[in-house]
Protein backbone atom coordinates (compact mmCIF):
# COMPACT_ATOMS: atom_id res chain seq x y z
CA MET A 1 67.13 -62.00 -20.86
CA ASP A 2 63.56 -61.85 -22.23
CA ASP A 3 60.54 -60.84 -20.17
CA ALA A 4 59.28 -64.39 -19.69
CA ASP A 5 62.52 -65.59 -18.06
CA GLN A 6 62.88 -62.44 -15.97
CA LEU A 7 59.28 -62.71 -14.81
CA LYS A 8 59.90 -66.27 -13.63
CA ARG A 9 62.85 -65.02 -11.60
CA ASP A 10 60.73 -62.26 -10.07
CA LEU A 11 58.02 -64.75 -9.13
CA SER A 12 60.67 -67.01 -7.64
CA LEU A 13 62.03 -64.06 -5.66
CA LEU A 14 58.54 -63.36 -4.28
CA THR A 15 58.14 -67.01 -3.25
CA ARG A 16 61.53 -67.18 -1.55
CA LEU A 17 61.08 -63.91 0.34
CA SER A 18 57.57 -64.99 1.40
CA GLN A 19 58.93 -68.22 2.86
CA GLU A 20 61.70 -66.37 4.65
CA ARG A 21 59.29 -63.89 6.20
CA THR A 22 56.86 -66.51 7.51
CA SER A 23 58.60 -66.79 10.89
CA TRP A 24 58.01 -63.08 11.53
CA GLU A 25 54.32 -63.10 10.68
CA THR A 26 53.18 -64.95 13.83
CA HIS A 27 55.01 -62.43 15.98
CA TRP A 28 53.55 -59.53 14.00
CA ARG A 29 50.06 -60.97 14.39
CA ASP A 30 50.47 -61.07 18.16
CA ILE A 31 51.72 -57.48 18.15
CA ALA A 32 48.75 -56.38 16.05
CA ASP A 33 46.25 -58.26 18.25
CA TYR A 34 47.43 -56.54 21.43
CA PHE A 35 48.54 -53.11 20.17
CA LEU A 36 47.29 -52.00 16.74
CA PRO A 37 44.83 -54.50 15.25
CA ARG A 38 44.35 -52.61 11.99
CA SER A 39 48.02 -52.07 11.20
CA LEU A 40 48.83 -55.50 9.74
CA ARG A 41 47.80 -56.88 6.37
CA THR A 42 49.15 -60.20 5.16
CA LEU A 43 46.45 -60.79 2.55
CA CYS A 44 45.41 -58.48 -0.28
CA ASN A 45 41.71 -59.06 0.34
CA GLU A 46 42.02 -57.55 3.83
CA ARG A 47 41.96 -54.08 2.28
CA ASN A 48 39.12 -51.66 2.93
CA GLN A 49 37.44 -53.85 5.55
CA GLY A 50 35.99 -52.25 8.64
CA ASN A 51 35.17 -55.33 10.68
CA LYS A 52 36.12 -55.33 14.36
CA ARG A 53 39.59 -56.71 15.07
CA SER A 54 40.25 -55.75 18.69
CA SER A 55 38.73 -58.74 20.46
CA LYS A 56 41.94 -59.44 22.46
CA ILE A 57 42.33 -55.88 23.73
CA LEU A 58 40.56 -55.59 27.10
CA ASN A 59 42.55 -52.56 28.24
CA SER A 60 43.55 -49.68 25.96
CA THR A 61 46.90 -49.04 27.68
CA THR A 62 48.79 -50.87 24.92
CA THR A 63 47.11 -49.00 22.06
CA ARG A 64 47.49 -45.63 23.77
CA ALA A 65 51.16 -46.31 24.54
CA ALA A 66 51.85 -47.22 20.90
CA ARG A 67 50.12 -44.08 19.67
CA ILE A 68 51.89 -41.85 22.21
CA LEU A 69 55.26 -43.27 21.12
CA ALA A 70 54.44 -42.62 17.46
CA ALA A 71 53.08 -39.13 18.11
CA GLY A 72 55.98 -38.27 20.42
CA MET A 73 58.61 -39.35 17.91
CA PHE A 74 56.84 -37.56 15.08
CA ALA A 75 56.59 -34.31 17.04
CA SER A 76 60.15 -34.58 18.42
CA ILE A 77 61.96 -35.72 15.25
CA THR A 78 60.06 -34.53 12.16
CA SER A 79 57.73 -31.85 13.47
CA PRO A 80 56.29 -29.67 10.68
CA ALA A 81 56.12 -26.79 13.17
CA ARG A 82 59.89 -26.29 13.40
CA PRO A 83 63.03 -27.06 11.35
CA TRP A 84 64.38 -30.56 11.95
CA PHE A 85 67.28 -30.75 9.51
CA SER A 86 69.80 -28.55 7.74
CA LEU A 87 72.45 -29.15 5.09
CA THR A 88 76.17 -28.70 5.53
CA LEU A 89 79.46 -29.89 3.99
CA ALA A 90 81.75 -32.66 5.10
CA ASP A 91 84.53 -30.08 4.71
CA ARG A 92 83.92 -28.01 7.84
CA ILE A 93 86.35 -25.26 6.86
CA MET A 94 84.65 -24.70 3.52
CA ALA A 95 81.24 -24.89 5.21
CA LYS A 96 82.11 -21.82 7.30
CA GLN A 97 82.38 -19.53 4.29
CA GLN A 98 79.46 -17.15 4.30
CA ALA A 99 78.45 -17.65 0.66
CA VAL A 100 78.51 -21.42 1.14
CA LYS A 101 76.48 -21.22 4.34
CA GLU A 102 73.85 -19.06 2.69
CA TRP A 103 73.57 -21.39 -0.31
CA LEU A 104 73.17 -24.40 1.98
CA ASP A 105 70.54 -22.50 3.95
CA ASP A 106 68.63 -21.63 0.76
CA VAL A 107 68.65 -25.26 -0.40
CA THR A 108 67.57 -26.46 3.04
CA LYS A 109 64.56 -24.13 2.95
CA ILE A 110 63.61 -25.34 -0.54
CA LEU A 111 63.70 -28.98 0.59
CA ARG A 112 61.64 -28.14 3.67
CA ASP A 113 59.06 -26.42 1.49
CA ILE A 114 58.87 -29.45 -0.83
CA LEU A 115 58.30 -31.79 2.12
CA ALA A 116 55.67 -29.45 3.55
CA GLY A 117 53.87 -29.32 0.20
CA SER A 118 53.86 -33.11 -0.18
CA ASN A 119 52.15 -35.76 1.96
CA PHE A 120 55.30 -36.44 3.99
CA TYR A 121 53.90 -35.07 7.24
CA ARG A 122 50.75 -37.15 6.80
CA SER A 123 52.65 -40.36 6.15
CA ALA A 124 55.53 -39.98 8.64
CA PRO A 125 53.37 -40.90 11.69
CA ALA A 126 52.78 -44.33 10.14
CA MET A 127 56.54 -44.85 10.01
CA PHE A 128 56.98 -44.16 13.73
CA ARG A 129 53.93 -46.26 14.58
CA ASP A 130 55.28 -49.27 12.68
CA LEU A 131 58.79 -48.87 14.09
CA GLY A 132 57.57 -48.71 17.67
CA THR A 133 55.33 -51.75 17.43
CA PHE A 134 56.49 -54.03 14.59
CA GLY A 135 60.12 -52.87 14.40
CA THR A 136 60.09 -52.38 10.60
CA HIS A 137 58.57 -49.90 8.19
CA ALA A 138 58.70 -49.38 4.45
CA SER A 139 57.70 -46.50 2.18
CA ILE A 140 58.16 -45.67 -1.48
CA ILE A 141 59.07 -42.10 -2.52
CA ASP A 142 58.00 -41.36 -6.07
CA GLU A 143 58.31 -38.25 -8.19
CA ASP A 144 54.97 -36.50 -8.51
CA ASP A 145 53.68 -34.07 -11.12
CA GLN A 146 51.58 -32.14 -8.62
CA ASP A 147 53.61 -32.16 -5.38
CA VAL A 148 57.16 -32.85 -6.67
CA VAL A 149 57.34 -35.96 -4.44
CA ARG A 150 54.74 -38.40 -3.15
CA PHE A 151 55.16 -40.79 -0.22
CA TYR A 152 53.48 -44.20 -0.21
CA PRO A 153 53.70 -45.84 3.25
CA LEU A 154 53.28 -49.60 3.02
CA ILE A 155 51.30 -51.63 5.54
CA VAL A 156 53.27 -54.21 7.52
CA GLY A 157 52.70 -57.63 6.00
CA SER A 158 52.18 -56.32 2.46
CA TYR A 159 55.87 -56.14 1.54
CA TRP A 160 59.09 -58.15 1.66
CA LEU A 161 62.68 -56.94 2.02
CA ALA A 162 66.17 -58.13 1.17
CA CYS A 163 69.56 -56.64 2.03
CA SER A 164 72.82 -56.04 0.23
CA GLU A 165 76.20 -57.30 1.43
CA ARG A 166 76.39 -54.11 3.54
CA GLN A 167 73.25 -55.15 5.46
CA ALA A 168 71.37 -52.24 3.91
CA VAL A 169 67.94 -52.84 2.40
CA ASP A 170 68.25 -52.68 -1.39
CA THR A 171 65.30 -54.83 -2.50
CA LEU A 172 61.63 -54.19 -1.84
CA VAL A 173 58.80 -56.38 -3.08
CA ARG A 174 55.19 -55.53 -2.37
CA LYS A 175 51.84 -57.08 -3.22
CA TYR A 176 48.67 -55.04 -3.13
CA SER A 177 45.26 -54.37 -4.70
CA MET A 178 44.02 -51.72 -7.11
CA THR A 179 40.68 -50.95 -8.66
CA VAL A 180 40.13 -51.31 -12.38
CA ARG A 181 40.10 -47.52 -12.73
CA GLN A 182 43.37 -47.15 -10.82
CA MET A 183 45.08 -49.79 -12.97
CA ALA A 184 43.89 -48.14 -16.17
CA ASN A 185 45.19 -44.75 -15.03
CA LYS A 186 48.55 -46.06 -13.84
CA PHE A 187 49.49 -48.63 -16.47
CA GLY A 188 47.21 -47.83 -19.39
CA ILE A 189 44.28 -50.09 -20.15
CA ASP A 190 46.11 -51.83 -23.02
CA ALA A 191 48.84 -53.06 -20.64
CA CYS A 192 46.31 -54.59 -18.24
CA PRO A 193 45.26 -58.29 -18.37
CA GLN A 194 42.29 -59.18 -20.51
CA ASN A 195 39.93 -59.64 -17.58
CA VAL A 196 40.70 -56.12 -16.37
CA GLN A 197 40.15 -54.74 -19.86
CA ASN A 198 36.78 -56.50 -19.99
CA MET A 199 35.68 -55.08 -16.63
CA HIS A 200 36.79 -51.61 -17.73
CA LYS A 201 34.80 -51.98 -20.92
CA ASP A 202 31.74 -53.03 -18.91
CA GLY A 203 32.05 -49.99 -16.63
CA LYS A 204 33.11 -51.93 -13.54
CA TYR A 205 35.66 -49.29 -12.65
CA GLU A 206 35.63 -49.80 -8.86
CA GLU A 207 36.09 -53.57 -8.89
CA TRP A 208 39.13 -54.60 -6.86
CA ILE A 209 41.93 -56.54 -8.52
CA ASP A 210 44.19 -58.46 -6.13
CA GLY A 211 47.73 -59.75 -6.57
CA ILE A 212 49.52 -56.77 -8.18
CA VAL A 213 53.25 -57.13 -7.47
CA GLN A 214 55.97 -54.51 -7.63
CA VAL A 215 59.65 -55.44 -7.43
CA ILE A 216 62.25 -52.74 -6.75
CA GLY A 217 65.89 -53.73 -6.60
CA PRO A 218 69.35 -53.70 -8.21
CA ASN A 219 69.22 -53.77 -11.99
CA PRO A 220 71.38 -56.50 -13.56
CA ASP A 221 71.03 -54.67 -16.90
CA HIS A 222 72.32 -51.37 -15.54
CA ASN A 223 74.15 -49.38 -18.20
CA PRO A 224 75.32 -45.86 -17.27
CA ASN A 225 75.69 -45.07 -20.96
CA ARG A 226 71.98 -45.62 -21.62
CA LEU A 227 69.54 -42.87 -20.68
CA ASP A 228 66.30 -44.88 -20.80
CA SER A 229 64.75 -45.84 -17.48
CA ARG A 230 65.10 -49.59 -18.03
CA HIS A 231 68.88 -49.35 -17.78
CA LYS A 232 69.05 -47.24 -14.63
CA ARG A 233 70.80 -48.41 -11.48
CA VAL A 234 67.58 -49.56 -9.81
CA ARG A 235 64.87 -51.50 -11.66
CA SER A 236 61.16 -51.28 -10.93
CA VAL A 237 58.66 -53.67 -12.48
CA TYR A 238 54.94 -54.37 -12.00
CA PHE A 239 53.19 -57.63 -12.83
CA MET A 240 50.23 -59.77 -11.83
CA GLU A 241 50.97 -62.67 -9.50
CA SER A 242 48.55 -64.71 -11.62
CA ASN A 243 47.08 -64.16 -15.07
CA HIS A 244 50.22 -62.33 -16.17
CA ASN A 245 50.69 -64.07 -19.57
CA ASP A 246 54.46 -63.71 -19.16
CA GLN A 247 54.12 -59.95 -19.47
CA TYR A 248 54.88 -57.02 -17.20
CA LEU A 249 52.40 -54.28 -16.49
CA ARG A 250 55.26 -51.79 -16.48
CA LYS A 251 59.05 -51.75 -16.56
CA SER A 252 60.96 -48.68 -15.41
CA GLY A 253 63.88 -47.67 -13.22
CA TYR A 254 65.43 -45.16 -10.81
CA ASP A 255 68.83 -43.56 -10.43
CA THR A 256 68.66 -44.11 -6.67
CA PHE A 257 66.71 -46.56 -4.52
CA PRO A 258 63.25 -44.96 -4.12
CA GLY A 259 62.30 -46.79 -0.95
CA ILE A 260 63.08 -46.41 2.72
CA ALA A 261 63.01 -49.36 5.11
CA PRO A 262 64.06 -48.28 8.61
CA ARG A 263 64.30 -50.88 11.39
CA TRP A 264 64.16 -50.09 15.11
CA GLU A 265 66.87 -52.62 15.94
CA THR A 266 68.37 -55.58 14.09
CA ASN A 267 70.40 -58.61 15.09
CA GLY A 268 73.18 -59.86 12.83
CA GLU A 269 71.90 -60.65 9.36
CA ASP A 270 68.22 -60.21 10.24
CA VAL A 271 66.35 -58.31 7.55
CA TYR A 272 63.41 -57.30 9.73
CA GLY A 273 63.73 -55.40 12.99
CA THR A 274 62.68 -55.87 16.58
CA SER A 275 60.77 -53.23 18.52
CA PRO A 276 59.67 -51.86 21.90
CA GLY A 277 56.29 -53.45 21.20
CA MET A 278 57.95 -56.85 21.12
CA VAL A 279 59.59 -56.10 24.47
CA ALA A 280 56.21 -55.13 25.94
CA LEU A 281 54.25 -58.03 24.38
CA PRO A 282 54.48 -60.36 27.45
CA ASP A 283 53.29 -57.50 29.64
CA ALA A 284 50.46 -56.83 27.19
CA ARG A 285 49.28 -60.42 27.42
CA SER A 286 49.50 -60.36 31.23
CA LEU A 287 47.57 -57.08 31.39
CA MET A 288 44.69 -58.54 29.40
CA VAL A 289 44.58 -61.59 31.68
CA TYR A 290 44.55 -59.42 34.81
CA GLU A 291 41.94 -57.14 33.29
CA LYS A 292 39.70 -60.13 32.63
CA ARG A 293 40.24 -61.60 36.11
CA ILE A 294 39.59 -58.25 37.81
CA ALA A 295 36.36 -57.83 35.85
CA GLN A 296 35.29 -61.35 36.79
CA ALA A 297 36.10 -60.77 40.46
CA ILE A 298 34.20 -57.49 40.55
CA GLU A 299 31.25 -59.09 38.82
CA LYS A 300 31.20 -61.94 41.34
CA LYS A 301 31.31 -59.47 44.21
CA VAL A 302 28.60 -57.24 42.75
CA ASN A 303 26.50 -60.01 41.22
CA PRO A 304 27.55 -63.14 43.12
CA PRO A 305 26.14 -66.62 42.69
CA LEU A 306 23.88 -67.41 45.68
CA ILE A 307 23.43 -70.36 47.99
CA ALA A 308 20.09 -71.14 49.73
CA PRO A 309 18.61 -73.86 51.96
CA VAL A 310 17.43 -76.82 49.91
CA GLU A 311 13.95 -76.72 51.40
CA LEU A 312 13.38 -73.40 49.60
CA GLU A 313 13.95 -74.96 46.18
CA ASN A 314 10.30 -75.91 45.58
CA LYS A 315 8.77 -73.00 47.45
CA GLY A 316 7.66 -69.78 45.87
CA GLY A 317 8.81 -66.30 46.74
CA VAL A 318 12.50 -66.87 46.07
CA ASN A 319 13.93 -64.49 43.47
CA PRO A 320 17.44 -65.61 42.46
CA THR A 321 18.18 -62.42 40.51
CA PRO A 322 20.78 -61.02 39.87
CA GLY A 323 23.00 -64.11 40.37
CA ALA A 324 22.30 -67.80 40.00
CA THR A 325 21.03 -69.68 43.09
CA THR A 326 22.42 -72.93 44.34
CA PHE A 327 20.24 -74.95 46.70
CA ALA A 328 22.24 -76.93 49.20
CA ASN A 329 21.53 -79.02 52.31
CA VAL A 330 23.82 -77.14 54.70
CA ALA A 331 23.49 -77.51 58.46
CA ASN A 332 22.28 -74.43 60.36
CA MET A 333 21.62 -72.51 57.18
CA ASP A 334 18.54 -70.35 57.51
CA LYS A 335 18.99 -67.65 54.84
CA ILE A 336 20.07 -67.01 51.30
CA LYS A 337 23.63 -65.71 51.03
CA SER A 338 26.55 -65.35 48.64
CA ILE A 339 28.33 -68.54 47.84
CA TYR A 340 31.65 -66.74 48.50
CA ASP A 341 32.99 -65.37 51.75
CA ALA A 342 33.16 -61.61 52.11
CA GLY A 343 36.95 -61.60 51.70
CA ALA A 344 37.09 -64.15 48.92
CA PHE A 345 38.22 -61.67 46.25
CA GLN A 346 41.13 -59.37 46.94
CA VAL A 347 40.54 -57.20 43.90
CA GLU A 348 42.92 -54.51 45.08
CA HIS A 349 45.90 -56.89 44.85
CA ALA A 350 45.12 -57.74 41.24
CA ALA A 351 44.44 -54.08 40.48
CA ASN A 352 47.80 -53.07 41.93
CA LYS A 353 49.54 -55.70 39.82
CA ALA A 354 47.69 -54.47 36.73
CA GLU A 355 48.85 -50.91 37.44
CA GLN A 356 52.44 -52.14 37.67
CA ILE A 357 52.07 -53.92 34.33
CA LYS A 358 50.68 -50.74 32.78
CA ALA A 359 53.69 -48.83 34.05
CA ASP A 360 56.03 -51.45 32.55
CA ILE A 361 54.29 -51.21 29.18
CA ASN A 362 54.53 -47.41 29.21
CA ALA A 363 58.21 -47.60 30.14
CA SER A 364 58.94 -50.07 27.31
CA LEU A 365 57.31 -47.71 24.79
CA TYR A 366 58.95 -44.53 26.23
CA VAL A 367 55.65 -42.98 27.26
CA ASP A 368 57.35 -41.54 30.34
CA LEU A 369 59.78 -39.66 28.08
CA PHE A 370 57.20 -38.09 25.79
CA LEU A 371 54.74 -37.31 28.57
CA MET A 372 57.38 -36.39 31.11
CA LEU A 373 56.00 -32.94 31.85
CA ILE A 374 52.41 -34.11 32.04
CA ASN A 375 53.22 -37.02 34.33
CA SER A 376 55.43 -34.99 36.65
CA ASP A 377 54.09 -35.01 40.21
CA ARG A 378 55.78 -31.70 41.06
CA ARG A 379 54.21 -28.32 40.56
CA GLN A 380 57.49 -26.55 39.87
CA VAL A 381 60.30 -28.13 37.91
CA THR A 382 63.32 -26.11 36.82
CA ALA A 383 64.55 -26.06 33.24
CA GLU A 384 67.80 -27.68 34.37
CA GLU A 385 65.89 -30.56 35.99
CA ILE A 386 63.83 -31.04 32.84
CA ARG A 387 66.95 -31.11 30.67
CA ALA A 388 68.65 -33.58 33.03
CA LYS A 389 65.65 -35.91 32.90
CA GLN A 390 65.48 -35.65 29.11
CA GLU A 391 69.17 -36.42 28.71
CA GLU A 392 68.87 -39.42 31.01
CA LYS A 393 65.88 -40.90 29.20
CA ILE A 394 67.09 -40.03 25.70
CA LEU A 395 70.14 -42.28 26.10
CA ALA A 396 67.91 -45.30 25.55
CA LEU A 397 66.83 -43.87 22.19
CA GLY A 398 70.38 -43.27 21.00
CA GLU A 399 70.78 -46.38 18.83
CA PRO A 400 67.28 -46.32 17.26
CA LEU A 401 67.66 -42.61 16.54
CA GLU A 402 71.00 -43.08 14.76
CA ARG A 403 69.54 -45.98 12.76
CA LEU A 404 66.54 -43.81 11.87
CA ASN A 405 68.89 -41.13 10.56
CA GLU A 406 70.73 -43.61 8.36
CA GLU A 407 67.83 -45.71 7.10
CA ALA A 408 64.99 -43.20 6.83
CA LEU A 409 65.67 -39.50 7.28
CA SER A 410 68.85 -39.22 5.20
CA PRO A 411 67.40 -41.29 2.31
CA VAL A 412 64.28 -39.10 2.34
CA ILE A 413 66.33 -35.90 2.11
CA ASP A 414 68.67 -37.40 -0.51
CA ARG A 415 65.71 -38.51 -2.62
CA VAL A 416 63.99 -35.11 -2.42
CA PHE A 417 67.29 -33.33 -3.15
CA ASP A 418 67.86 -35.53 -6.21
CA ILE A 419 64.37 -34.90 -7.60
CA ALA A 420 64.53 -31.14 -6.92
CA SER A 421 67.97 -30.93 -8.55
CA ARG A 422 66.83 -32.72 -11.70
CA ARG A 423 63.84 -30.40 -11.92
CA GLY A 424 66.05 -27.32 -11.70
CA MET A 425 64.50 -26.17 -8.43
CA LEU A 426 67.82 -25.57 -6.64
CA PRO A 427 70.09 -22.52 -7.06
CA PRO A 428 73.51 -23.20 -8.59
CA PRO A 429 76.12 -23.91 -5.90
CA PRO A 430 79.17 -21.70 -5.39
CA ARG A 431 81.96 -22.70 -7.75
CA GLU A 432 84.36 -23.65 -4.97
CA ILE A 433 82.11 -26.41 -3.57
CA GLN A 434 80.93 -28.05 -6.78
CA GLY A 435 81.45 -31.78 -6.50
CA MET A 436 81.84 -31.73 -2.72
CA PRO A 437 79.68 -34.13 -0.68
CA ILE A 438 76.77 -32.58 1.19
CA THR A 439 75.82 -33.94 4.60
CA VAL A 440 72.74 -33.55 6.78
CA GLU A 441 72.65 -32.09 10.27
CA TYR A 442 69.58 -32.99 12.34
CA VAL A 443 68.27 -30.26 14.62
CA SER A 444 65.01 -31.74 15.90
CA VAL A 445 64.08 -31.72 19.57
CA LEU A 446 65.39 -35.24 20.19
CA HIS A 447 68.57 -34.63 18.23
CA GLN A 448 69.17 -31.40 20.10
CA VAL A 449 68.66 -33.12 23.45
CA GLN A 450 71.45 -35.48 22.44
CA LYS A 451 73.63 -32.49 21.63
CA MET A 452 72.77 -30.84 24.94
CA VAL A 453 75.58 -32.81 26.52
CA ALA A 454 78.10 -30.91 24.39
CA LEU A 455 76.27 -27.62 24.94
CA GLY A 456 76.24 -28.25 28.67
CA GLN A 457 80.00 -28.64 28.58
CA ILE A 458 80.34 -25.27 26.86
CA ASP A 459 78.01 -23.69 29.42
CA ARG A 460 79.93 -25.11 32.36
CA LEU A 461 83.30 -24.09 30.92
CA ALA A 462 82.07 -20.53 30.28
CA GLN A 463 80.78 -20.29 33.84
CA PHE A 464 84.04 -21.68 35.20
CA VAL A 465 86.17 -19.22 33.22
CA GLY A 466 83.88 -16.37 34.20
CA GLY A 467 84.30 -17.25 37.86
CA LEU A 468 88.09 -17.39 37.60
CA ALA A 469 88.23 -14.10 35.68
CA GLY A 470 87.16 -12.23 38.80
CA VAL A 471 90.43 -13.24 40.49
CA PHE A 472 92.67 -13.91 37.49
CA PRO A 473 91.53 -11.61 34.65
CA SER A 474 94.11 -12.96 32.21
CA VAL A 475 92.43 -16.40 32.21
CA VAL A 476 89.86 -15.15 29.68
CA ASP A 477 92.63 -15.28 27.09
CA LYS A 478 92.39 -19.08 27.35
CA PHE A 479 88.73 -19.15 26.27
CA ASP A 480 87.91 -18.88 22.55
CA ALA A 481 84.51 -17.23 22.74
CA ASP A 482 84.11 -16.99 18.95
CA GLN A 483 84.56 -20.74 18.50
CA ALA A 484 82.18 -21.41 21.40
CA VAL A 485 79.49 -19.33 19.69
CA ASP A 486 80.01 -21.15 16.37
CA GLU A 487 79.73 -24.61 17.95
CA TYR A 488 76.76 -23.59 20.07
CA ALA A 489 74.90 -22.18 17.05
CA GLU A 490 75.70 -25.26 14.95
CA ALA A 491 74.37 -27.60 17.64
CA LEU A 492 71.17 -25.56 17.91
CA GLY A 493 70.69 -25.47 14.15
CA THR A 494 70.70 -21.68 14.07
CA SER A 495 70.35 -20.01 10.67
CA PRO A 496 73.77 -19.04 9.25
CA ARG A 497 72.40 -15.57 8.50
CA ILE A 498 72.15 -14.92 12.25
CA VAL A 499 75.71 -15.86 13.22
CA ARG A 500 78.36 -13.84 11.36
CA SER A 501 81.32 -15.51 9.71
CA ASP A 502 84.89 -15.08 10.98
CA GLU A 503 85.67 -12.77 8.06
CA GLN A 504 82.69 -10.54 8.82
CA VAL A 505 83.62 -10.43 12.50
CA ASP A 506 87.21 -9.45 11.60
CA GLU A 507 85.95 -6.63 9.37
CA ILE A 508 83.62 -5.34 12.11
CA ARG A 509 86.38 -5.44 14.72
CA GLN A 510 88.87 -3.72 12.45
CA ALA A 511 86.35 -1.00 11.65
CA ARG A 512 85.55 -0.64 15.35
CA ALA A 513 89.26 -0.40 16.22
CA GLN A 514 89.83 2.22 13.53
CA ALA A 515 86.83 4.19 14.71
CA GLN A 516 88.04 4.05 18.30
CA ALA A 517 91.56 5.08 17.24
CA GLN A 518 90.16 7.97 15.22
CA GLN A 519 87.95 9.01 18.11
CA GLN A 520 90.88 8.91 20.52
CA ALA A 521 93.03 10.91 18.10
CA GLU A 522 90.31 13.51 17.85
CA VAL A 523 90.04 13.66 21.64
CA ASN A 524 93.83 14.07 21.99
CA SER A 525 93.88 16.76 19.34
CA ALA A 526 91.05 18.58 21.04
CA ASN A 527 92.89 18.38 24.37
CA LEU A 528 96.05 19.88 22.82
CA VAL A 529 94.10 22.70 21.24
CA GLN A 530 92.32 23.43 24.48
CA GLY A 531 95.60 23.32 26.41
CA ALA A 532 97.27 25.76 24.02
CA LYS A 533 94.31 28.09 24.18
CA THR A 534 94.29 28.00 27.95
CA LEU A 535 98.01 28.70 28.08
CA SER A 536 97.74 31.65 25.70
CA GLU A 537 95.02 33.21 27.79
CA THR A 538 96.86 32.83 31.09
CA ASP A 539 97.78 36.10 32.93
CA THR A 540 101.58 36.26 33.32
CA GLY A 541 101.75 39.73 34.81
CA GLY A 542 100.37 39.05 38.22
CA GLN A 543 101.51 36.92 41.07
CA ASN A 544 100.52 33.27 40.54
CA ALA A 545 101.98 29.83 40.27
CA LEU A 546 102.75 30.21 36.59
CA THR A 547 104.67 33.50 37.02
CA ASP A 548 106.60 31.99 39.92
CA LEU A 549 107.48 29.00 37.70
CA MET A 550 108.60 31.30 34.87
CA ARG A 551 110.81 33.38 37.25
CA GLY A 552 112.36 30.16 38.51
CA MET A 553 113.13 29.03 34.98
CA SER A 554 114.65 32.46 34.21
CA THR A 555 116.90 32.29 37.25
CA VAL A 556 118.09 28.83 36.30
CA SER A 557 118.87 30.00 32.78
CA ALA A 558 120.89 32.93 34.12
């Protein structure tokens, strides 16, 4: 298929996906209006504009809740301050070998260093922000000459997705803007349209060019026997939505899908996800209404409209400030007063309702989980109480967390591993595991809280056995302490260099047993020598127990 025909298909794909996404855009706009006004971009020309967009937000509870959710998930799942993943093997028996564990640990540290040296920890918060509010996020992970990998988080509304038959995202189309200078550096000035070449020639390097489209998806021309990028498993092409002259800006490819597109929650065949922000949207609307009504009520109480006798209308000396004055012919009215009764506005009732709505919004966005310690009304809370509260609240995050593992975290690690491997940055694996599948274990705070259930079972069993051992000592034979330590360390993500392997433990125990046996033999030998010496030095001529014993033995012999 020539470029002109393929380009028509790509333009048709963009049109079809745009039509399919239309139904989501209204919902996203409402989410943006009430939570994060600057986090949605459905038009290219919305870039780099600082105009105010928060006119519908009268109370910052929604924005703060969205940011706390994003910050809490970032710090609890992908914190740069502590390890949050480690590599292991699907074959658990092989994974216990010390050489294998140390190799996996070395590779894990290399991948962590690559992520730390890239912009991953600057772009990851955007992922959690989008997931919590819009329900969908997308990023592109490209190989980078300076930082090994580079992450490009995409703004909601600037991209379109499509799924494979497995309901996994395998197609990403985005439309965005670049300056003339950026296009020249990325594609080469000769590959750019004529108008861009003219602006570059005239020195208009910072002029914005809209309508640049990138399509990433399965490659129908995939040929594993061809090494050039155009025949790789995944195709990537750039072109102008208009003024393209049936030509691509660039055609290339990837061995693996370079994008991630996690969804908070999906229904059936839906491509885009739903979110906690969507759950809280009705409460957000109600909060803004109550906030407006409360402000109006307070204003009318503090600065009320006035009512005065009509005969004062044409007389001087009446100052209607601060509120407007209504002149009325009311019987027995001799003074200026508020048009409302003193109890006309029960502001406290509306304020109480607004507080309840705020609490509902915070609950929908898990603020109570991530600020649990700060919001606690008790001065002293035990570690066990904290863990119990965490386990209870974390259950609601179980499904989104598992989906995040599958659709974001694992693809990120796989992509970085693939790039590092091709660059020769990883040590060669032990011969016995070559070709074996490598899996990822997540050891972040949230993942460990999920595993605390299993660790709690080990703790309770150990305490139970320890209690029985005081009465029935033989019961300790029923408890495999070595296996308990292995499973506990694995759940905590402990470095394999800290916990010894079974083989090392056997060697230590054998050496200890031999040393104890040798020590006991030496003690026994010393006791025999001392006994013989004592016997040889004993006085047998006098009257004592030994001489009596010897006489008795002589008599018996006779």
